[in-house]
Amino acid sequence: MTLDAVSAVMRRYRSTGECLNGAYFWCADLIIIDRPGIPAIVEVVRHLIASGELEGACSLLRGDDLASE
Protein backbone atom coordinates (compact mmCIF):
# COMPACT_ATOMS: atom_id res chain seq x y z
CA MET A 1 0.00 0.00 0.00
CA THR A 2 1.13 3.54 -0.62
CA LEU A 3 1.33 6.13 2.14
CA ASP A 4 -1.61 7.92 0.52
CA ALA A 5 -3.69 4.75 0.67
CA VAL A 6 -2.85 4.18 4.34
CA SER A 7 -3.65 7.82 5.08
CA ALA A 8 -7.03 7.48 3.34
CA VAL A 9 -7.86 4.39 5.40
CA MET A 10 -6.92 6.19 8.63
CA ARG A 11 -9.10 9.17 7.65
CA ARG A 12 -12.00 6.79 7.04
CA TYR A 13 -11.38 5.18 10.43
CA ARG A 14 -11.69 8.61 12.06
CA SER A 15 -15.24 8.85 10.76
CA THR A 16 -16.21 5.22 11.47
CA GLY A 17 -14.57 5.00 14.90
CA GLU A 18 -12.41 2.02 13.95
CA CYS A 19 -8.89 1.63 15.34
CA LEU A 20 -9.35 4.18 18.14
CA ASN A 21 -10.95 6.65 15.75
CA GLY A 22 -8.16 6.41 13.21
CA ALA A 23 -5.29 6.54 15.71
CA TYR A 24 -3.66 3.55 14.04
CA PHE A 25 -3.66 1.28 11.02
CA TRP A 26 -2.61 -2.34 10.97
CA CYS A 27 -2.14 -5.16 8.55
CA ALA A 28 -0.22 -8.39 9.13
CA ASP A 29 3.10 -7.59 10.84
CA LEU A 30 2.71 -3.83 10.50
CA ILE A 31 1.19 -1.25 12.84
CA ILE A 32 1.26 2.47 12.00
CA ILE A 33 0.38 4.88 14.81
CA ASP A 34 -0.59 8.49 14.14
CA ARG A 35 1.53 9.98 16.93
CA PRO A 36 4.92 9.17 18.43
CA GLY A 37 5.80 7.96 21.91
CA ILE A 38 5.49 5.06 24.29
CA PRO A 39 2.07 6.15 25.67
CA ALA A 40 0.59 6.03 22.15
CA ILE A 41 2.09 2.59 21.53
CA VAL A 42 0.78 1.26 24.84
CA GLU A 43 -2.70 2.62 24.10
CA VAL A 44 -2.77 0.94 20.69
CA VAL A 45 -1.46 -2.41 21.96
CA ARG A 46 -4.05 -2.39 24.76
CA HIS A 47 -6.76 -1.71 22.19
CA LEU A 48 -5.51 -4.51 19.92
CA ILE A 49 -5.57 -6.91 22.88
CA ALA A 50 -9.05 -5.81 24.00
CA SER A 51 -10.45 -6.07 20.47
CA GLY A 52 -8.88 -9.50 19.88
CA GLU A 53 -6.92 -8.20 16.89
CA LEU A 54 -3.38 -8.48 18.30
CA GLU A 55 -2.77 -11.94 16.82
CA GLY A 56 -3.76 -10.66 13.38
CA ALA A 57 -1.50 -7.64 13.62
CA CYS A 58 1.53 -9.45 15.08
CA SER A 59 2.91 -12.84 14.19
CA LEU A 60 4.22 -15.00 17.01
CA LEU A 61 7.93 -15.68 16.70
CA ARG A 62 9.04 -19.15 17.67
CA GLY A 63 12.56 -19.91 18.88
CA ASP A 64 13.53 -21.48 15.54
CA ASP A 65 12.35 -18.34 13.70
CA LEU A 66 15.01 -16.32 15.50
CA ALA A 67 17.78 -18.85 14.84
CA SER A 68 17.65 -18.22 11.08
CA GLU A 69 18.60 -14.53 11.43
PDB file of N, CA and C in Angstrom:
ATOM      1  N   MET A   1       0.847  -1.192   0.000  1.00  0.00           N
ATOM      2  CA  MET A   1       0.000   0.000   0.000  1.00  0.00           C
ATOM      3  C   MET A   1       0.881   1.240   0.000  1.00  0.00           C
ATOM      4  N   THR A   2       0.408   2.268  -0.638  1.00  0.00           N
ATOM      5  CA  THR A   2       1.126   3.535  -0.618  1.00  0.00           C
ATOM      6  C   THR A   2       0.796   4.296   0.662  1.00  0.00           C
ATOM      7  N   LEU A   3       1.614   5.293   0.976  1.00  0.00           N
ATOM      8  CA  LEU A   3       1.331   6.133   2.140  1.00  0.00           C
ATOM      9  C   LEU A   3      -0.001   6.849   1.981  1.00  0.00           C
ATOM     10  N   ASP A   4      -0.320   7.259   0.759  1.00  0.00           N
ATOM     11  CA  ASP A   4      -1.608   7.916   0.516  1.00  0.00           C
ATOM     12  C   ASP A   4      -2.776   6.976   0.794  1.00  0.00           C
ATOM     13  N   ALA A   5      -2.626   5.719   0.427  1.00  0.00           N
ATOM     14  CA  ALA A   5      -3.694   4.746   0.669  1.00  0.00           C
ATOM     15  C   ALA A   5      -3.876   4.505   2.164  1.00  0.00           C
ATOM     16  N   VAL A   6      -2.768   4.365   2.891  1.00  0.00           N
ATOM     17  CA  VAL A   6      -2.847   4.180   4.345  1.00  0.00           C
ATOM     18  C   VAL A   6      -3.481   5.409   4.983  1.00  0.00           C
ATOM     19  N   SER A   7      -3.079   6.588   4.550  1.00  0.00           N
ATOM     20  CA  SER A   7      -3.650   7.822   5.077  1.00  0.00           C
ATOM     21  C   SER A   7      -5.155   7.891   4.826  1.00  0.00           C
ATOM     22  N   ALA A   8      -5.591   7.475   3.656  1.00  0.00           N
ATOM     23  CA  ALA A   8      -7.027   7.475   3.336  1.00  0.00           C
ATOM     24  C   ALA A   8      -7.789   6.518   4.247  1.00  0.00           C
ATOM     25  N   VAL A   9      -7.209   5.365   4.497  1.00  0.00           N
ATOM     26  CA  VAL A   9      -7.860   4.395   5.400  1.00  0.00           C
ATOM     27  C   VAL A   9      -7.967   4.992   6.799  1.00  0.00           C
ATOM     28  N   MET A  10      -6.892   5.610   7.283  1.00  0.00           N
ATOM     29  CA  MET A  10      -6.919   6.193   8.627  1.00  0.00           C
ATOM     30  C   MET A  10      -7.937   7.332   8.724  1.00  0.00           C
ATOM     31  N   ARG A  11      -8.070   8.115   7.660  1.00  0.00           N
ATOM     32  CA  ARG A  11      -9.103   9.168   7.651  1.00  0.00           C
ATOM     33  C   ARG A  11     -10.493   8.546   7.729  1.00  0.00           C
ATOM     34  N   ARG A  12     -10.706   7.461   6.990  1.00  0.00           N
ATOM     35  CA  ARG A  12     -12.003   6.785   7.039  1.00  0.00           C
ATOM     36  C   ARG A  12     -12.268   6.248   8.440  1.00  0.00           C
ATOM     37  N   TYR A  13     -11.228   5.691   9.071  1.00  0.00           N
ATOM     38  CA  TYR A  13     -11.383   5.178  10.435  1.00  0.00           C
ATOM     39  C   TYR A  13     -11.780   6.282  11.411  1.00  0.00           C
ATOM     40  N   ARG A  14     -11.308   7.504  11.183  1.00  0.00           N
ATOM     41  CA  ARG A  14     -11.692   8.613  12.061  1.00  0.00           C
ATOM     42  C   ARG A  14     -13.199   8.837  12.030  1.00  0.00           C
ATOM     43  N   SER A  15     -13.793   8.628  10.864  1.00  0.00           N
ATOM     44  CA  SER A  15     -15.238   8.847  10.757  1.00  0.00           C
ATOM     45  C   SER A  15     -16.049   7.635  11.203  1.00  0.00           C
ATOM     46  N   THR A  16     -15.470   6.426  11.087  1.00  0.00           N
ATOM     47  CA  THR A  16     -16.212   5.220  11.472  1.00  0.00           C
ATOM     48  C   THR A  16     -15.955   4.803  12.916  1.00  0.00           C
ATOM     49  N   GLY A  17     -14.893   5.358  13.519  1.00  0.00           N
ATOM     50  CA  GLY A  17     -14.568   4.995  14.897  1.00  0.00           C
ATOM     51  C   GLY A  17     -13.651   3.790  15.023  1.00  0.00           C
ATOM     52  N   GLU A  18     -13.283   3.188  13.905  1.00  0.00           N
ATOM     53  CA  GLU A  18     -12.410   2.018  13.954  1.00  0.00           C
ATOM     54  C   GLU A  18     -10.999   2.413  14.404  1.00  0.00           C
ATOM     55  N   CYS A  19     -10.299   1.468  14.968  1.00  0.00           N
ATOM     56  CA  CYS A  19      -8.886   1.633  15.345  1.00  0.00           C
ATOM     57  C   CYS A  19      -8.670   2.908  16.157  1.00  0.00           C
ATOM     58  N   LEU A  20      -9.423   3.006  17.252  1.00  0.00           N
ATOM     59  CA  LEU A  20      -9.353   4.179  18.139  1.00  0.00           C
ATOM     60  C   LEU A  20      -9.568   5.471  17.366  1.00  0.00           C
ATOM     61  N   ASN A  21     -10.595   5.476  16.558  1.00  0.00           N
ATOM     62  CA  ASN A  21     -10.953   6.652  15.749  1.00  0.00           C
ATOM     63  C   ASN A  21      -9.828   7.088  14.818  1.00  0.00           C
ATOM     64  N   GLY A  22      -9.204   6.108  14.179  1.00  0.00           N
ATOM     65  CA  GLY A  22      -8.157   6.413  13.209  1.00  0.00           C
ATOM     66  C   GLY A  22      -6.789   6.666  13.804  1.00  0.00           C
ATOM     67  N   ALA A  23      -6.590   6.316  15.066  1.00  0.00           N
ATOM     68  CA  ALA A  23      -5.293   6.535  15.708  1.00  0.00           C
ATOM     69  C   ALA A  23      -4.219   5.592  15.182  1.00  0.00           C
ATOM     70  N   TYR A  24      -4.644   4.480  14.577  1.00  0.00           N
ATOM     71  CA  TYR A  24      -3.664   3.549  14.036  1.00  0.00           C
ATOM     72  C   TYR A  24      -4.241   2.768  12.873  1.00  0.00           C
ATOM     73  N   PHE A  25      -3.339   2.156  12.130  1.00  0.00           N
ATOM     74  CA  PHE A  25      -3.664   1.278  11.016  1.00  0.00           C
ATOM     75  C   PHE A  25      -2.827   0.028  11.200  1.00  0.00           C
ATOM     76  N   TRP A  26      -3.421  -1.126  10.922  1.00  0.00           N
ATOM     77  CA  TRP A  26      -2.611  -2.342  10.970  1.00  0.00           C
ATOM     78  C   TRP A  26      -2.974  -3.271   9.830  1.00  0.00           C
ATOM     79  N   CYS A  27      -1.983  -4.006   9.414  1.00  0.00           N
ATOM     80  CA  CYS A  27      -2.136  -5.165   8.553  1.00  0.00           C
ATOM     81  C   CYS A  27      -1.108  -6.165   9.068  1.00  0.00           C
ATOM     82  N   ALA A  28      -1.083  -7.347   8.565  1.00  0.00           N
ATOM     83  CA  ALA A  28      -0.216  -8.386   9.130  1.00  0.00           C
ATOM     84  C   ALA A  28       1.224  -7.899   9.270  1.00  0.00           C
ATOM     85  N   ASP A  29       1.717  -7.953  10.487  1.00  0.00           N
ATOM     86  CA  ASP A  29       3.095  -7.592  10.840  1.00  0.00           C
ATOM     87  C   ASP A  29       3.450  -6.131  10.609  1.00  0.00           C
ATOM     88  N   LEU A  30       2.456  -5.251  10.629  1.00  0.00           N
ATOM     89  CA  LEU A  30       2.713  -3.825  10.497  1.00  0.00           C
ATOM     90  C   LEU A  30       1.645  -3.051  11.268  1.00  0.00           C
ATOM     91  N   ILE A  31       2.094  -2.149  12.131  1.00  0.00           N
ATOM     92  CA  ILE A  31       1.186  -1.247  12.842  1.00  0.00           C
ATOM     93  C   ILE A  31       1.728   0.163  12.665  1.00  0.00           C
ATOM     94  N   ILE A  32       0.893   1.062  12.157  1.00  0.00           N
ATOM     95  CA  ILE A  32       1.261   2.467  11.997  1.00  0.00           C
ATOM     96  C   ILE A  32       0.407   3.268  12.969  1.00  0.00           C
ATOM     97  N   ILE A  33       1.071   4.078  13.795  1.00  0.00           N
ATOM     98  CA  ILE A  33       0.384   4.876  14.811  1.00  0.00           C
ATOM     99  C   ILE A  33       0.508   6.343  14.427  1.00  0.00           C
ATOM    100  N   ASP A  34      -0.562   7.110  14.626  1.00  0.00           N
ATOM    101  CA  ASP A  34      -0.592   8.490  14.143  1.00  0.00           C
ATOM    102  C   ASP A  34       0.200   9.483  14.978  1.00  0.00           C
ATOM    103  N   ARG A  35       0.713   9.069  16.122  1.00  0.00           N
ATOM    104  CA  ARG A  35       1.525   9.976  16.931  1.00  0.00           C
ATOM    105  C   ARG A  35       2.660   9.195  17.588  1.00  0.00           C
ATOM    106  N   PRO A  36       3.767   9.861  17.870  1.00  0.00           N
ATOM    107  CA  PRO A  36       4.923   9.168  18.431  1.00  0.00           C
ATOM    108  C   PRO A  36       4.809   8.966  19.935  1.00  0.00           C
ATOM    109  N   GLY A  37       5.661   8.096  20.466  1.00  0.00           N
ATOM    110  CA  GLY A  37       5.801   7.958  21.906  1.00  0.00           C
ATOM    111  C   GLY A  37       5.277   6.654  22.464  1.00  0.00           C
ATOM    112  N   ILE A  38       5.865   6.295  23.581  1.00  0.00           N
ATOM    113  CA  ILE A  38       5.492   5.061  24.287  1.00  0.00           C
ATOM    114  C   ILE A  38       4.029   5.067  24.714  1.00  0.00           C
ATOM    115  N   PRO A  39       3.491   6.168  25.279  1.00  0.00           N
ATOM    116  CA  PRO A  39       2.073   6.155  25.673  1.00  0.00           C
ATOM    117  C   PRO A  39       1.137   5.814  24.510  1.00  0.00           C
ATOM    118  N   ALA A  40       1.431   6.331  23.321  1.00  0.00           N
ATOM    119  CA  ALA A  40       0.588   6.029  22.154  1.00  0.00           C
ATOM    120  C   ALA A  40       0.691   4.553  21.787  1.00  0.00           C
ATOM    121  N   ILE A  41       1.899   4.007  21.845  1.00  0.00           N
ATOM    122  CA  ILE A  41       2.088   2.588  21.532  1.00  0.00           C
ATOM    123  C   ILE A  41       1.347   1.718  22.531  1.00  0.00           C
ATOM    124  N   VAL A  42       1.460   2.036  23.802  1.00  0.00           N
ATOM    125  CA  VAL A  42       0.775   1.261  24.844  1.00  0.00           C
ATOM    126  C   VAL A  42      -0.734   1.310  24.643  1.00  0.00           C
ATOM    127  N   GLU A  43      -1.256   2.480  24.326  1.00  0.00           N
ATOM    128  CA  GLU A  43      -2.701   2.618  24.098  1.00  0.00           C
ATOM    129  C   GLU A  43      -3.157   1.737  22.937  1.00  0.00           C
ATOM    130  N   VAL A  44      -2.408   1.736  21.853  1.00  0.00           N
ATOM    131  CA  VAL A  44      -2.774   0.940  20.687  1.00  0.00           C
ATOM    132  C   VAL A  44      -2.671  -0.548  20.987  1.00  0.00           C
ATOM    133  N   VAL A  45      -1.604  -0.979  21.641  1.00  0.00           N
ATOM    134  CA  VAL A  45      -1.460  -2.406  21.961  1.00  0.00           C
ATOM    135  C   VAL A  45      -2.582  -2.853  22.900  1.00  0.00           C
ATOM    136  N   ARG A  46      -2.917  -2.045  23.880  1.00  0.00           N
ATOM    137  CA  ARG A  46      -4.050  -2.391  24.762  1.00  0.00           C
ATOM    138  C   ARG A  46      -5.336  -2.535  23.963  1.00  0.00           C
ATOM    139  N   HIS A  47      -5.551  -1.636  23.010  1.00  0.00           N
ATOM    140  CA  HIS A  47      -6.760  -1.707  22.190  1.00  0.00           C
ATOM    141  C   HIS A  47      -6.759  -2.962  21.318  1.00  0.00           C
ATOM    142  N   LEU A  48      -5.604  -3.285  20.740  1.00  0.00           N
ATOM    143  CA  LEU A  48      -5.507  -4.505  19.925  1.00  0.00           C
ATOM    144  C   LEU A  48      -5.795  -5.746  20.756  1.00  0.00           C
ATOM    145  N   ILE A  49      -5.299  -5.777  21.983  1.00  0.00           N
ATOM    146  CA  ILE A  49      -5.566  -6.911  22.876  1.00  0.00           C
ATOM    147  C   ILE A  49      -7.060  -6.978  23.205  1.00  0.00           C
ATOM    148  N   ALA A  50      -7.633  -5.844  23.610  1.00  0.00           N
ATOM    149  CA  ALA A  50      -9.049  -5.811  24.002  1.00  0.00           C
ATOM    150  C   ALA A  50      -9.976  -6.176  22.850  1.00  0.00           C
ATOM    151  N   SER A  51      -9.598  -5.799  21.631  1.00  0.00           N
ATOM    152  CA  SER A  51     -10.451  -6.071  20.474  1.00  0.00           C
ATOM    153  C   SER A  51     -10.206  -7.458  19.880  1.00  0.00           C
ATOM    154  N   GLY A  52      -9.186  -8.166  20.396  1.00  0.00           N
ATOM    155  CA  GLY A  52      -8.879  -9.496  19.881  1.00  0.00           C
ATOM    156  C   GLY A  52      -8.135  -9.477  18.561  1.00  0.00           C
ATOM    157  N   GLU A  53      -7.586  -8.327  18.182  1.00  0.00           N
ATOM    158  CA  GLU A  53      -6.916  -8.201  16.888  1.00  0.00           C
ATOM    159  C   GLU A  53      -5.385  -8.307  16.973  1.00  0.00           C
ATOM    160  N   LEU A  54      -4.835  -8.458  18.164  1.00  0.00           N
ATOM    161  CA  LEU A  54      -3.379  -8.476  18.301  1.00  0.00           C
ATOM    162  C   LEU A  54      -2.745  -9.617  17.512  1.00  0.00           C
ATOM    163  N   GLU A  55      -3.338 -10.794  17.555  1.00  0.00           N
ATOM    164  CA  GLU A  55      -2.766 -11.938  16.824  1.00  0.00           C
ATOM    165  C   GLU A  55      -2.780 -11.708  15.314  1.00  0.00           C
ATOM    166  N   GLY A  56      -3.736 -10.965  14.802  1.00  0.00           N
ATOM    167  CA  GLY A  56      -3.764 -10.660  13.381  1.00  0.00           C
ATOM    168  C   GLY A  56      -2.718  -9.635  12.998  1.00  0.00           C
ATOM    169  N   ALA A  57      -2.456  -8.709  13.907  1.00  0.00           N
ATOM    170  CA  ALA A  57      -1.497  -7.645  13.621  1.00  0.00           C
ATOM    171  C   ALA A  57      -0.054  -8.080  13.831  1.00  0.00           C
ATOM    172  N   CYS A  58       0.170  -9.039  14.721  1.00  0.00           N
ATOM    173  CA  CYS A  58       1.533  -9.446  15.076  1.00  0.00           C
ATOM    174  C   CYS A  58       1.667 -10.959  15.008  1.00  0.00           C
ATOM    175  N   SER A  59       2.640 -11.398  14.253  1.00  0.00           N
ATOM    176  CA  SER A  59       2.907 -12.838  14.186  1.00  0.00           C
ATOM    177  C   SER A  59       3.726 -13.261  15.399  1.00  0.00           C
ATOM    178  N   LEU A  60       3.467 -14.437  15.893  1.00  0.00           N
ATOM    179  CA  LEU A  60       4.222 -14.998  17.006  1.00  0.00           C
ATOM    180  C   LEU A  60       5.536 -15.555  16.486  1.00  0.00           C
ATOM    181  N   LEU A  61       6.633 -15.134  17.083  1.00  0.00           N
ATOM    182  CA  LEU A  61       7.935 -15.680  16.704  1.00  0.00           C
ATOM    183  C   LEU A  61       8.243 -16.882  17.585  1.00  0.00           C
ATOM    184  N   ARG A  62       8.621 -17.959  16.938  1.00  0.00           N
ATOM    185  CA  ARG A  62       9.044 -19.153  17.667  1.00  0.00           C
ATOM    186  C   ARG A  62      10.561 -19.105  17.790  1.00  0.00           C
ATOM    187  N   GLY A  63      11.119 -19.882  18.679  1.00  0.00           N
ATOM    188  CA  GLY A  63      12.564 -19.907  18.881  1.00  0.00           C
ATOM    189  C   GLY A  63      13.320 -20.206  17.610  1.00  0.00           C
ATOM    190  N   ASP A  64      12.817 -21.129  16.782  1.00  0.00           N
ATOM    191  CA  ASP A  64      13.532 -21.476  15.539  1.00  0.00           C
ATOM    192  C   ASP A  64      13.427 -20.375  14.501  1.00  0.00           C
ATOM    193  N   ASP A  65      12.439 -19.485  14.617  1.00  0.00           N
ATOM    194  CA  ASP A  65      12.345 -18.342  13.695  1.00  0.00           C
ATOM    195  C   ASP A  65      13.519 -17.380  13.929  1.00  0.00           C
ATOM    196  N   LEU A  66      13.925 -17.239  15.160  1.00  0.00           N
ATOM    197  CA  LEU A  66      15.009 -16.316  15.501  1.00  0.00           C
ATOM    198  C   LEU A  66      16.375 -16.884  15.121  1.00  0.00           C
ATOM    199  N   ALA A  67      16.496 -18.206  15.128  1.00  0.00           N
ATOM    200  CA  ALA A  67      17.785 -18.845  14.841  1.00  0.00           C
ATOM    201  C   ALA A  67      18.220 -18.626  13.399  1.00  0.00           C
ATOM    202  N   SER A  68      17.300 -18.377  12.491  1.00  0.00           N
ATOM    203  CA  SER A  68      17.648 -18.223  11.079  1.00  0.00           C
ATOM    204  C   SER A  68      18.189 -16.837  10.744  1.00  0.00           C
ATOM    205  N   GLU A  69      18.127 -15.897  11.690  1.00  0.00           N
ATOM    206  CA  GLU A  69      18.600 -14.533  11.427  1.00  0.00           C
ATOM    207  C   GLU A  69      20.081 -14.388  11.661  1.00  0.00           C
TER     208      GLU A  69
END
